[in-house]
PDB file of N, CA and C in Angstrom:
ATOM      1  N   MET A   1     -15.035 -23.612 -32.449  1.00  0.00           N
ATOM      2  CA  MET A   1     -16.343 -22.885 -32.086  1.00  0.00           C
ATOM      3  C   MET A   1     -16.468 -21.606 -32.673  1.00  0.00           C
ATOM      4  N   SER A   2     -17.507 -21.503 -32.688  1.00  0.00           N
ATOM      5  CA  SER A   2     -17.879 -19.989 -33.377  1.00  0.00           C
ATOM      6  C   SER A   2     -17.624 -18.957 -32.100  1.00  0.00           C
ATOM      7  N   SER A   3     -17.641 -17.637 -32.638  1.00  0.00           N
ATOM      8  CA  SER A   3     -17.327 -16.730 -31.688  1.00  0.00           C
ATOM      9  C   SER A   3     -18.799 -16.372 -30.975  1.00  0.00           C
ATOM     10  N   ALA A   4     -20.039 -16.764 -31.562  1.00  0.00           N
ATOM     11  CA  ALA A   4     -21.201 -16.474 -30.913  1.00  0.00           C
ATOM     12  C   ALA A   4     -21.408 -17.709 -29.690  1.00  0.00           C
ATOM     13  N   ALA A   5     -21.059 -18.537 -29.839  1.00  0.00           N
ATOM     14  CA  ALA A   5     -20.880 -20.004 -28.692  1.00  0.00           C
ATOM     15  C   ALA A   5     -19.881 -19.439 -27.757  1.00  0.00           C
ATOM     16  N   VAL A   6     -18.816 -19.029 -27.952  1.00  0.00           N
ATOM     17  CA  VAL A   6     -17.871 -18.163 -26.695  1.00  0.00           C
ATOM     18  C   VAL A   6     -18.626 -17.251 -26.032  1.00  0.00           C
ATOM     19  N   LEU A   7     -19.105 -16.258 -26.758  1.00  0.00           N
ATOM     20  CA  LEU A   7     -19.732 -15.169 -26.166  1.00  0.00           C
ATOM     21  C   LEU A   7     -20.987 -15.435 -25.388  1.00  0.00           C
ATOM     22  N   PHE A   8     -21.781 -16.565 -25.742  1.00  0.00           N
ATOM     23  CA  PHE A   8     -22.824 -17.243 -24.949  1.00  0.00           C
ATOM     24  C   PHE A   8     -22.338 -17.945 -23.717  1.00  0.00           C
ATOM     25  N   LYS A   9     -21.303 -18.344 -23.829  1.00  0.00           N
ATOM     26  CA  LYS A   9     -20.935 -19.154 -22.569  1.00  0.00           C
ATOM     27  C   LYS A   9     -20.046 -17.937 -21.722  1.00  0.00           C
ATOM     28  N   LEU A  10     -19.711 -17.151 -22.146  1.00  0.00           N
ATOM     29  CA  LEU A  10     -18.833 -16.284 -21.466  1.00  0.00           C
ATOM     30  C   LEU A  10     -20.140 -15.326 -20.819  1.00  0.00           C
ATOM     31  N   LEU A  11     -21.245 -14.764 -21.367  1.00  0.00           N
ATOM     32  CA  LEU A  11     -22.549 -13.992 -20.771  1.00  0.00           C
ATOM     33  C   LEU A  11     -22.845 -15.089 -19.547  1.00  0.00           C
ATOM     34  N   TRP A  12     -23.188 -16.710 -19.968  1.00  0.00           N
ATOM     35  CA  TRP A  12     -23.857 -17.291 -19.132  1.00  0.00           C
ATOM     36  C   TRP A  12     -22.794 -17.627 -17.703  1.00  0.00           C
ATOM     37  N   ALA A  13     -21.443 -17.548 -18.093  1.00  0.00           N
ATOM     38  CA  ALA A  13     -20.787 -17.654 -16.392  1.00  0.00           C
ATOM     39  C   ALA A  13     -20.618 -16.397 -15.669  1.00  0.00           C
ATOM     40  N   THR A  14     -20.914 -15.323 -16.309  1.00  0.00           N
ATOM     41  CA  THR A  14     -21.116 -14.047 -15.555  1.00  0.00           C
ATOM     42  C   THR A  14     -22.505 -13.928 -15.261  1.00  0.00           C
ATOM     43  N   PHE A  15     -23.442 -14.319 -15.746  1.00  0.00           N
ATOM     44  CA  PHE A  15     -24.644 -14.596 -14.916  1.00  0.00           C
ATOM     45  C   PHE A  15     -24.695 -15.304 -13.804  1.00  0.00           C
ATOM     46  N   LEU A  16     -24.091 -16.604 -13.986  1.00  0.00           N
ATOM     47  CA  LEU A  16     -24.016 -17.729 -12.792  1.00  0.00           C
ATOM     48  C   LEU A  16     -23.200 -16.773 -11.606  1.00  0.00           C
ATOM     49  N   LEU A  17     -22.062 -16.347 -11.851  1.00  0.00           N
ATOM     50  CA  LEU A  17     -21.254 -15.724 -10.883  1.00  0.00           C
ATOM     51  C   LEU A  17     -22.021 -14.490 -10.140  1.00  0.00           C
ATOM     52  N   PHE A  18     -22.821 -13.761 -10.844  1.00  0.00           N
ATOM     53  CA  PHE A  18     -23.491 -12.519 -10.333  1.00  0.00           C
ATOM     54  C   PHE A  18     -24.646 -13.182  -9.443  1.00  0.00           C
ATOM     55  N   CYS A  19     -25.318 -14.144  -9.985  1.00  0.00           N
ATOM     56  CA  CYS A  19     -26.626 -14.812  -9.057  1.00  0.00           C
ATOM     57  C   CYS A  19     -25.586 -15.393  -7.686  1.00  0.00           C
ATOM     58  N   LEU A  20     -24.544 -15.992  -7.833  1.00  0.00           N
ATOM     59  CA  LEU A  20     -23.813 -16.742  -6.703  1.00  0.00           C
ATOM     60  C   LEU A  20     -23.566 -15.580  -5.645  1.00  0.00           C
ATOM     61  N   CYS A  21     -22.777 -14.285  -6.202  1.00  0.00           N
ATOM     62  CA  CYS A  21     -22.467 -13.293  -5.293  1.00  0.00           C
ATOM     63  C   CYS A  21     -23.295 -12.406  -4.611  1.00  0.00           C
ATOM     64  N   HIS A  22     -24.781 -12.583  -5.735  1.00  0.00           N
ATOM     65  CA  HIS A  22     -25.553 -11.355  -5.596  1.00  0.00           C
ATOM     66  C   HIS A  22     -26.044 -11.147  -3.740  1.00  0.00           C
ATOM     67  N   GLY A  23     -26.207 -12.311  -3.232  1.00  0.00           N
ATOM     68  CA  GLY A  23     -26.689 -12.360  -1.832  1.00  0.00           C
ATOM     69  C   GLY A  23     -25.517 -12.076  -0.842  1.00  0.00           C
ATOM     70  N   GLN A  24     -24.438 -11.962  -1.085  1.00  0.00           N
ATOM     71  CA  GLN A  24     -23.358 -11.987  -0.118  1.00  0.00           C
ATOM     72  C   GLN A  24     -23.277 -10.109   0.053  1.00  0.00           C
ATOM     73  N   SER A  25     -22.883  -9.990   1.374  1.00  0.00           N
ATOM     74  CA  SER A  25     -22.571  -8.409   1.481  1.00  0.00           C
ATOM     75  C   SER A  25     -21.570  -8.698   2.673  1.00  0.00           C
ATOM     76  N   SER A  26     -20.561  -7.692   2.776  1.00  0.00           N
ATOM     77  CA  SER A  26     -19.537  -7.319   3.593  1.00  0.00           C
ATOM     78  C   SER A  26     -20.219  -7.243   5.094  1.00  0.00           C
ATOM     79  N   ARG A  27     -19.407  -7.987   5.926  1.00  0.00           N
ATOM     80  CA  ARG A  27     -20.147  -7.906   7.550  1.00  0.00           C
ATOM     81  C   ARG A  27     -19.678  -6.629   8.093  1.00  0.00           C
ATOM     82  N   GLU A  28     -20.369  -5.801   8.653  1.00  0.00           N
ATOM     83  CA  GLU A  28     -20.396  -4.615   9.509  1.00  0.00           C
ATOM     84  C   GLU A  28     -20.223  -4.839  10.864  1.00  0.00           C
ATOM     85  N   MET A  29     -19.518  -4.348  11.519  1.00  0.00           N
ATOM     86  CA  MET A  29     -19.289  -4.612  13.023  1.00  0.00           C
ATOM     87  C   MET A  29     -20.440  -3.612  13.507  1.00  0.00           C
ATOM     88  N   SER A  30     -21.298  -3.898  14.551  1.00  0.00           N
ATOM     89  CA  SER A  30     -22.438  -3.266  15.121  1.00  0.00           C
ATOM     90  C   SER A  30     -21.941  -3.287  16.647  1.00  0.00           C
ATOM     91  N   SER A  31     -22.819  -2.557  17.370  1.00  0.00           N
ATOM     92  CA  SER A  31     -22.448  -2.596  18.965  1.00  0.00           C
ATOM     93  C   SER A  31     -22.803  -3.876  19.464  1.00  0.00           C
ATOM     94  N   GLU A  32     -23.479  -4.788  18.800  1.00  0.00           N
ATOM     95  CA  GLU A  32     -24.051  -6.002  19.365  1.00  0.00           C
ATOM     96  C   GLU A  32     -22.988  -6.811  19.273  1.00  0.00           C
ATOM     97  N   ASP A  33     -21.920  -6.662  18.434  1.00  0.00           N
ATOM     98  CA  ASP A  33     -20.669  -7.386  18.328  1.00  0.00           C
ATOM     99  C   ASP A  33     -19.810  -7.279  19.747  1.00  0.00           C
ATOM    100  N   PHE A  34     -19.611  -6.104  20.099  1.00  0.00           N
ATOM    101  CA  PHE A  34     -18.826  -6.032  21.282  1.00  0.00           C
ATOM    102  C   PHE A  34     -19.249  -6.349  22.566  1.00  0.00           C
ATOM    103  N   ASP A  35     -18.626  -7.220  23.613  1.00  0.00           N
ATOM    104  CA  ASP A  35     -19.183  -7.333  24.866  1.00  0.00           C
ATOM    105  C   ASP A  35     -18.629  -6.454  25.833  1.00  0.00           C
ATOM    106  N   ALA A  36     -19.270  -6.262  26.830  1.00  0.00           N
ATOM    107  CA  ALA A  36     -18.612  -5.526  28.134  1.00  0.00           C
ATOM    108  C   ALA A  36     -17.659  -6.084  28.883  1.00  0.00           C
ATOM    109  N   LYS A  37     -17.725  -7.592  28.571  1.00  0.00           N
ATOM    110  CA  LYS A  37     -16.679  -8.278  29.461  1.00  0.00           C
ATOM    111  C   LYS A  37     -15.267  -8.332  28.936  1.00  0.00           C
ATOM    112  N   LYS A  38     -15.208  -7.800  27.623  1.00  0.00           N
ATOM    113  CA  LYS A  38     -14.023  -7.811  26.825  1.00  0.00           C
ATOM    114  C   LYS A  38     -12.925  -6.660  27.244  1.00  0.00           C
ATOM    115  N   LEU A  39     -13.617  -5.591  28.065  1.00  0.00           N
ATOM    116  CA  LEU A  39     -12.797  -4.289  28.746  1.00  0.00           C
ATOM    117  C   LEU A  39     -11.396  -4.840  29.215  1.00  0.00           C
ATOM    118  N   PRO A  40     -10.460  -4.053  28.957  1.00  0.00           N
ATOM    119  CA  PRO A  40      -9.211  -4.264  29.904  1.00  0.00           C
ATOM    120  C   PRO A  40      -9.484  -4.232  31.559  1.00  0.00           C
ATOM    121  N   SER A  41      -8.448  -5.195  31.862  1.00  0.00           N
ATOM    122  CA  SER A  41      -8.593  -5.270  33.612  1.00  0.00           C
ATOM    123  C   SER A  41      -7.792  -4.440  34.229  1.00  0.00           C
ATOM    124  N   ALA A  42      -7.650  -4.165  35.363  1.00  0.00           N
ATOM    125  CA  ALA A  42      -6.763  -2.985  36.030  1.00  0.00           C
ATOM    126  C   ALA A  42      -5.205  -3.500  36.020  1.00  0.00           C
ATOM    127  N   SER A  43      -5.005  -4.989  35.766  1.00  0.00           N
ATOM    128  CA  SER A  43      -3.460  -5.362  35.662  1.00  0.00           C
ATOM    129  C   SER A  43      -3.042  -4.801  34.141  1.00  0.00           C
ATOM    130  N   GLU A  44      -4.259  -4.738  33.381  1.00  0.00           N
ATOM    131  CA  GLU A  44      -3.654  -4.749  31.816  1.00  0.00           C
ATOM    132  C   GLU A  44      -3.235  -3.191  31.694  1.00  0.00           C
ATOM    133  N   LYS A  45      -4.423  -2.754  32.437  1.00  0.00           N
ATOM    134  CA  LYS A  45      -3.994  -1.284  32.343  1.00  0.00           C
ATOM    135  C   LYS A  45      -3.031  -0.564  33.199  1.00  0.00           C
ATOM    136  N   GLU A  46      -2.241  -1.233  34.248  1.00  0.00           N
ATOM    137  CA  GLU A  46      -1.024  -0.970  34.623  1.00  0.00           C
ATOM    138  C   GLU A  46       0.059  -0.918  33.799  1.00  0.00           C
ATOM    139  N   LEU A  47      -0.103  -2.448  32.930  1.00  0.00           N
ATOM    140  CA  LEU A  47       0.920  -2.508  32.013  1.00  0.00           C
ATOM    141  C   LEU A  47       0.896  -1.668  30.935  1.00  0.00           C
ATOM    142  N   VAL A  48      -0.022  -1.095  30.389  1.00  0.00           N
ATOM    143  CA  VAL A  48      -0.179  -0.403  29.442  1.00  0.00           C
ATOM    144  C   VAL A  48       0.665   0.981  29.930  1.00  0.00           C
ATOM    145  N   GLU A  49       0.138   1.365  31.107  1.00  0.00           N
ATOM    146  CA  GLU A  49       0.951   2.501  31.579  1.00  0.00           C
ATOM    147  C   GLU A  49       2.337   2.618  31.934  1.00  0.00           C
ATOM    148  N   ALA A  50       2.965   1.562  32.392  1.00  0.00           N
ATOM    149  CA  ALA A  50       4.315   1.183  32.348  1.00  0.00           C
ATOM    150  C   ALA A  50       4.956   1.045  31.176  1.00  0.00           C
ATOM    151  N   MET A  51       4.209   0.491  30.173  1.00  0.00           N
ATOM    152  CA  MET A  51       4.949   0.625  28.589  1.00  0.00           C
ATOM    153  C   MET A  51       5.013   1.926  28.076  1.00  0.00           C
ATOM    154  N   GLU A  52       3.759   2.626  28.363  1.00  0.00           N
ATOM    155  CA  GLU A  52       4.020   4.170  27.941  1.00  0.00           C
ATOM    156  C   GLU A  52       5.306   4.999  28.760  1.00  0.00           C
ATOM    157  N   GLU A  53       5.299   4.494  29.957  1.00  0.00           N
ATOM    158  CA  GLU A  53       6.514   5.169  30.735  1.00  0.00           C
ATOM    159  C   GLU A  53       7.804   4.942  29.868  1.00  0.00           C
ATOM    160  N   LEU A  54       8.034   3.660  29.670  1.00  0.00           N
ATOM    161  CA  LEU A  54       9.132   3.179  29.102  1.00  0.00           C
ATOM    162  C   LEU A  54       9.466   3.542  27.732  1.00  0.00           C
ATOM    163  N   LEU A  55       8.389   3.869  27.194  1.00  0.00           N
ATOM    164  CA  LEU A  55       8.485   4.443  25.536  1.00  0.00           C
ATOM    165  C   LEU A  55       8.913   5.814  25.827  1.00  0.00           C
ATOM    166  N   GLY A  56       8.590   6.709  26.859  1.00  0.00           N
ATOM    167  CA  GLY A  56       8.837   7.820  26.652  1.00  0.00           C
ATOM    168  C   GLY A  56      10.213   8.169  27.101  1.00  0.00           C
ATOM    169  N   LYS A  57      10.500   7.282  27.974  1.00  0.00           N
ATOM    170  CA  LYS A  57      12.244   7.418  28.550  1.00  0.00           C
ATOM    171  C   LYS A  57      13.127   6.964  27.245  1.00  0.00           C
ATOM    172  N   PHE A  58      12.690   6.323  26.441  1.00  0.00           N
ATOM    173  CA  PHE A  58      13.613   5.799  25.395  1.00  0.00           C
ATOM    174  C   PHE A  58      13.511   6.937  23.993  1.00  0.00           C
ATOM    175  N   GLN A  59      12.342   7.847  23.934  1.00  0.00           N
ATOM    176  CA  GLN A  59      12.093   8.372  22.570  1.00  0.00           C
ATOM    177  C   GLN A  59      13.386   9.577  22.784  1.00  0.00           C
ATOM    178  N   ASP A  60      13.571   9.882  23.706  1.00  0.00           N
ATOM    179  CA  ASP A  60      15.067  10.749  23.742  1.00  0.00           C
ATOM    180  C   ASP A  60      16.141  10.351  22.930  1.00  0.00           C
ATOM    181  N   ARG A  61      16.361   9.183  23.319  1.00  0.00           N
ATOM    182  CA  ARG A  61      17.488   8.421  22.758  1.00  0.00           C
ATOM    183  C   ARG A  61      17.551   8.101  21.142  1.00  0.00           C
ATOM    184  N   TYR A  62      16.864   8.056  20.777  1.00  0.00           N
ATOM    185  CA  TYR A  62      16.561   7.538  19.345  1.00  0.00           C
ATOM    186  C   TYR A  62      15.589   8.671  18.511  1.00  0.00           C
ATOM    187  N   PRO A  63      16.457   8.926  17.034  1.00  0.00           N
ATOM    188  CA  PRO A  63      15.534  10.046  16.421  1.00  0.00           C
ATOM    189  C   PRO A  63      14.499   9.246  15.992  1.00  0.00           C
ATOM    190  N   VAL A  64      13.243  10.040  15.989  1.00  0.00           N
ATOM    191  CA  VAL A  64      11.831   9.696  15.633  1.00  0.00           C
ATOM    192  C   VAL A  64      12.105   9.149  13.979  1.00  0.00           C
ATOM    193  N   TYR A  65      12.564  10.177  13.458  1.00  0.00           N
ATOM    194  CA  TYR A  65      12.547   9.966  11.895  1.00  0.00           C
ATOM    195  C   TYR A  65      13.425  10.806  11.072  1.00  0.00           C
ATOM    196  N   GLU A  66      14.103  10.303  10.255  1.00  0.00           N
ATOM    197  CA  GLU A  66      15.191  11.255   9.310  1.00  0.00           C
ATOM    198  C   GLU A  66      14.561  11.544   8.238  1.00  0.00           C
ATOM    199  N   LYS A  67      14.309  12.483   7.675  1.00  0.00           N
ATOM    200  CA  LYS A  67      13.917  12.468   6.098  1.00  0.00           C
ATOM    201  C   LYS A  67      15.318  12.312   5.656  1.00  0.00           C
ATOM    202  N   ARG A  68      15.170  11.700   4.180  1.00  0.00           N
ATOM    203  CA  ARG A  68      16.236  11.795   3.144  1.00  0.00           C
ATOM    204  C   ARG A  68      15.868  12.803   2.619  1.00  0.00           C
ATOM    205  N   ALA A  69      17.062  13.475   1.884  1.00  0.00           N
ATOM    206  CA  ALA A  69      17.053  14.311   0.936  1.00  0.00           C
ATOM    207  C   ALA A  69      16.284  13.984  -0.143  1.00  0.00           C
ATOM    208  N   GLN A  70      15.028  14.939  -0.491  1.00  0.00           N
ATOM    209  CA  GLN A  70      14.158  14.822  -1.599  1.00  0.00           C
ATOM    210  C   GLN A  70      14.904  14.732  -2.822  1.00  0.00           C
ATOM    211  N   ILE A  71      14.636  13.749  -3.766  1.00  0.00           N
ATOM    212  CA  ILE A  71      15.164  13.732  -5.107  1.00  0.00           C
ATOM    213  C   ILE A  71      14.505  14.995  -6.201  1.00  0.00           C
ATOM    214  N   PRO A  72      15.135  15.497  -6.619  1.00  0.00           N
ATOM    215  CA  PRO A  72      14.685  16.518  -7.663  1.00  0.00           C
ATOM    216  C   PRO A  72      13.601  15.802  -8.819  1.00  0.00           C
ATOM    217  N   VAL A  73      12.646  16.912  -9.179  1.00  0.00           N
ATOM    218  CA  VAL A  73      11.650  16.129 -10.266  1.00  0.00           C
ATOM    219  C   VAL A  73      12.343  16.687 -11.636  1.00  0.00           C
ATOM    220  N   CYS A  74      12.448  15.791 -12.602  1.00  0.00           N
ATOM    221  CA  CYS A  74      12.983  16.171 -13.967  1.00  0.00           C
ATOM    222  C   CYS A  74      11.842  16.000 -14.851  1.00  0.00           C
ATOM    223  N   ASP A  75      11.910  16.792 -15.881  1.00  0.00           N
ATOM    224  CA  ASP A  75      10.896  16.725 -17.089  1.00  0.00           C
ATOM    225  C   ASP A  75      11.246  15.705 -17.992  1.00  0.00           C
ATOM    226  N   ILE A  76      10.351  15.466 -18.892  1.00  0.00           N
ATOM    227  CA  ILE A  76      10.387  14.209 -19.979  1.00  0.00           C
ATOM    228  C   ILE A  76      11.764  14.872 -20.953  1.00  0.00           C
ATOM    229  N   GLY A  77      12.371  13.565 -21.443  1.00  0.00           N
ATOM    230  CA  GLY A  77      13.641  13.815 -22.147  1.00  0.00           C
ATOM    231  C   GLY A  77      14.964  14.365 -21.333  1.00  0.00           C
ATOM    232  N   GLU A  78      14.802  14.760 -20.207  1.00  0.00           N
ATOM    233  CA  GLU A  78      15.939  14.939 -19.324  1.00  0.00           C
ATOM    234  C   GLU A  78      16.486  13.520 -18.786  1.00  0.00           C
ATOM    235  N   ARG A  79      17.693  13.480 -18.550  1.00  0.00           N
ATOM    236  CA  ARG A  79      18.495  12.402 -18.051  1.00  0.00           C
ATOM    237  C   ARG A  79      18.192  12.213 -16.408  1.00  0.00           C
ATOM    238  N   CYS A  80      17.543  10.966 -16.231  1.00  0.00           N
ATOM    239  CA  CYS A  80      17.049  10.756 -14.986  1.00  0.00           C
ATOM    240  C   CYS A  80      17.953   9.644 -14.176  1.00  0.00           C
ATOM    241  N   ALA A  81      18.976   9.209 -14.624  1.00  0.00           N
ATOM    242  CA  ALA A  81      19.694   8.165 -14.044  1.00  0.00           C
ATOM    243  C   ALA A  81      21.130   7.946 -14.629  1.00  0.00           C
ATOM    244  N   VAL A  82      22.025   7.317 -14.010  1.00  0.00           N
ATOM    245  CA  VAL A  82      23.474   7.091 -14.852  1.00  0.00           C
ATOM    246  C   VAL A  82      23.957   5.730 -14.269  1.00  0.00           C
ATOM    247  N   LYS A  83      24.634   4.995 -15.105  1.00  0.00           N
ATOM    248  CA  LYS A  83      24.745   3.864 -14.872  1.00  0.00           C
ATOM    249  C   LYS A  83      26.000   4.038 -14.331  1.00  0.00           C
ATOM    250  N   GLN A  84      26.210   3.162 -13.400  1.00  0.00           N
ATOM    251  CA  GLN A  84      27.474   2.790 -12.416  1.00  0.00           C
ATOM    252  C   GLN A  84      27.956   1.567 -12.286  1.00  0.00           C
ATOM    253  N   GLY A  85      28.452   0.874 -13.548  1.00  0.00           N
ATOM    254  CA  GLY A  85      28.862  -0.579 -13.299  1.00  0.00           C
ATOM    255  C   GLY A  85      27.607  -1.376 -13.549  1.00  0.00           C
ATOM    256  N   PRO A  86      27.460  -2.089 -12.727  1.00  0.00           N
ATOM    257  CA  PRO A  86      25.951  -2.914 -13.006  1.00  0.00           C
ATOM    258  C   PRO A  86      24.932  -2.588 -12.283  1.00  0.00           C
ATOM    259  N   ARG A  87      25.007  -1.456 -11.678  1.00  0.00           N
ATOM    260  CA  ARG A  87      23.936  -1.011 -11.080  1.00  0.00           C
ATOM    261  C   ARG A  87      23.424   0.577 -11.507  1.00  0.00           C
ATOM    262  N   ILE A  88      22.468   0.855 -11.787  1.00  0.00           N
ATOM    263  CA  ILE A  88      21.738   2.331 -11.915  1.00  0.00           C
ATOM    264  C   ILE A  88      21.633   3.141 -10.700  1.00  0.00           C
ATOM    265  N   GLY A  89      22.386   4.562 -10.884  1.00  0.00           N
ATOM    266  CA  GLY A  89      22.158   5.582  -9.686  1.00  0.00           C
ATOM    267  C   GLY A  89      20.608   6.225 -10.179  1.00  0.00           C
ATOM    268  N   LYS A  90      19.934   7.081  -9.261  1.00  0.00           N
ATOM    269  CA  LYS A  90      19.130   7.627  -9.538  1.00  0.00           C
ATOM    270  C   LYS A  90      19.664   9.217  -9.508  1.00  0.00           C
ATOM    271  N   LEU A  91      19.253   9.840 -10.520  1.00  0.00           N
ATOM    272  CA  LEU A  91      19.686  11.312 -10.597  1.00  0.00           C
ATOM    273  C   LEU A  91      18.471  12.359 -10.003  1.00  0.00           C
ATOM    274  N   CYS A  92      17.322  11.846 -10.507  1.00  0.00           N
ATOM    275  CA  CYS A  92      15.766  12.478 -10.143  1.00  0.00           C
ATOM    276  C   CYS A  92      14.969  11.620 -10.506  1.00  0.00           C
ATOM    277  N   ASP A  93      13.662  12.105 -10.138  1.00  0.00           N
ATOM    278  CA  ASP A  93      12.347  11.573 -10.335  1.00  0.00           C
ATOM    279  C   ASP A  93      11.584  11.903 -11.697  1.00  0.00           C
ATOM    280  N   CYS A  94      11.348  11.214 -12.592  1.00  0.00           N
ATOM    281  CA  CYS A  94      10.291  11.662 -13.726  1.00  0.00           C
ATOM    282  C   CYS A  94       9.170  12.355 -13.223  1.00  0.00           C
ATOM    283  N   SER A  95       8.737  13.465 -14.046  1.00  0.00           N
ATOM    284  CA  SER A  95       7.405  13.875 -13.516  1.00  0.00           C
ATOM    285  C   SER A  95       6.082  12.963 -13.737  1.00  0.00           C
ATOM    286  N   ARG A  96       5.176  13.256 -13.335  1.00  0.00           N
ATOM    287  CA  ARG A  96       3.705  12.516 -13.188  1.00  0.00           C
ATOM    288  C   ARG A  96       3.467  12.199 -14.783  1.00  0.00           C
ATOM    289  N   GLY A  97       3.241  10.954 -14.709  1.00  0.00           N
ATOM    290  CA  GLY A  97       2.889  10.381 -15.853  1.00  0.00           C
ATOM    291  C   GLY A  97       4.066   9.894 -16.981  1.00  0.00           C
ATOM    292  N   SER A  98       5.079  10.047 -16.506  1.00  0.00           N
ATOM    293  CA  SER A  98       6.402   9.537 -17.499  1.00  0.00           C
ATOM    294  C   SER A  98       7.164   8.780 -16.346  1.00  0.00           C
ATOM    295  N   SER A  99       7.922   7.598 -17.295  1.00  0.00           N
ATOM    296  CA  SER A  99       8.837   6.884 -16.024  1.00  0.00           C
ATOM    297  C   SER A  99      10.333   6.938 -16.649  1.00  0.00           C
ATOM    298  N   CYS A 100      11.350   6.654 -15.795  1.00  0.00           N
ATOM    299  CA  CYS A 100      12.462   6.597 -16.298  1.00  0.00           C
ATOM    300  C   CYS A 100      12.970   5.428 -17.037  1.00  0.00           C
ATOM    301  N   ASN A 101      13.415   5.339 -18.351  1.00  0.00           N
ATOM    302  CA  ASN A 101      13.822   4.210 -18.971  1.00  0.00           C
ATOM    303  C   ASN A 101      15.123   3.982 -18.731  1.00  0.00           C
ATOM    304  N   SER A 102      15.347   2.420 -18.761  1.00  0.00           N
ATOM    305  CA  SER A 102      16.541   2.080 -18.006  1.00  0.00           C
ATOM    306  C   SER A 102      17.554   1.906 -19.156  1.00  0.00           C
ATOM    307  N   PHE A 103      17.177   1.764 -20.126  1.00  0.00           N
ATOM    308  CA  PHE A 103      18.158   1.720 -21.386  1.00  0.00           C
ATOM    309  C   PHE A 103      18.657   3.270 -21.979  1.00  0.00           C
ATOM    310  N   LEU A 104      17.553   4.142 -22.064  1.00  0.00           N
ATOM    311  CA  LEU A 104      17.988   5.246 -22.284  1.00  0.00           C
ATOM    312  C   LEU A 104      18.852   6.342 -21.208  1.00  0.00           C
ATOM    313  N   LEU A 105      18.081   5.797 -20.183  1.00  0.00           N
ATOM    314  CA  LEU A 105      18.470   6.657 -18.885  1.00  0.00           C
ATOM    315  C   LEU A 105      17.881   7.969 -18.867  1.00  0.00           C
ATOM    316  N   LYS A 106      16.705   8.120 -19.460  1.00  0.00           N
ATOM    317  CA  LYS A 106      15.865   9.269 -19.983  1.00  0.00           C
ATOM    318  C   LYS A 106      14.241   9.278 -19.353  1.00  0.00           C
ATOM    319  N   CYS A 107      13.903  10.224 -19.040  1.00  0.00           N
ATOM    320  CA  CYS A 107      12.353  10.333 -18.679  1.00  0.00           C
ATOM    321  C   CYS A 107      11.510  10.198 -19.931  1.00  0.00           C
ATOM    322  N   ILE A 108      10.785   9.329 -20.230  1.00  0.00           N
ATOM    323  CA  ILE A 108       9.896   8.950 -21.741  1.00  0.00           C
ATOM    324  C   ILE A 108       8.453   9.029 -21.038  1.00  0.00           C
TER     325      ILE A 108
END
């Protein structure tokens, strides 16, 4: 097949796909989609209040979120990892636009 024929078929397939998808649009929610009947009942409100009360009691027992120590950022060419047997341990995160090479263990 010549390149012109392949190009023509590709353009034709793109055109067909565009024509098929042109009329479709994402469905947006409107106020008509919501019914007044779907409001929570009194028993559901009581259940929600009871759950909030229980969550408030248990919140003191467990820490919300403990941040881990942040890993420092290293520059390009610096050592970013160390090989520890079959595993590789992270020393630092490479700066934006570079990544840690798993063979050299340096930021490139």
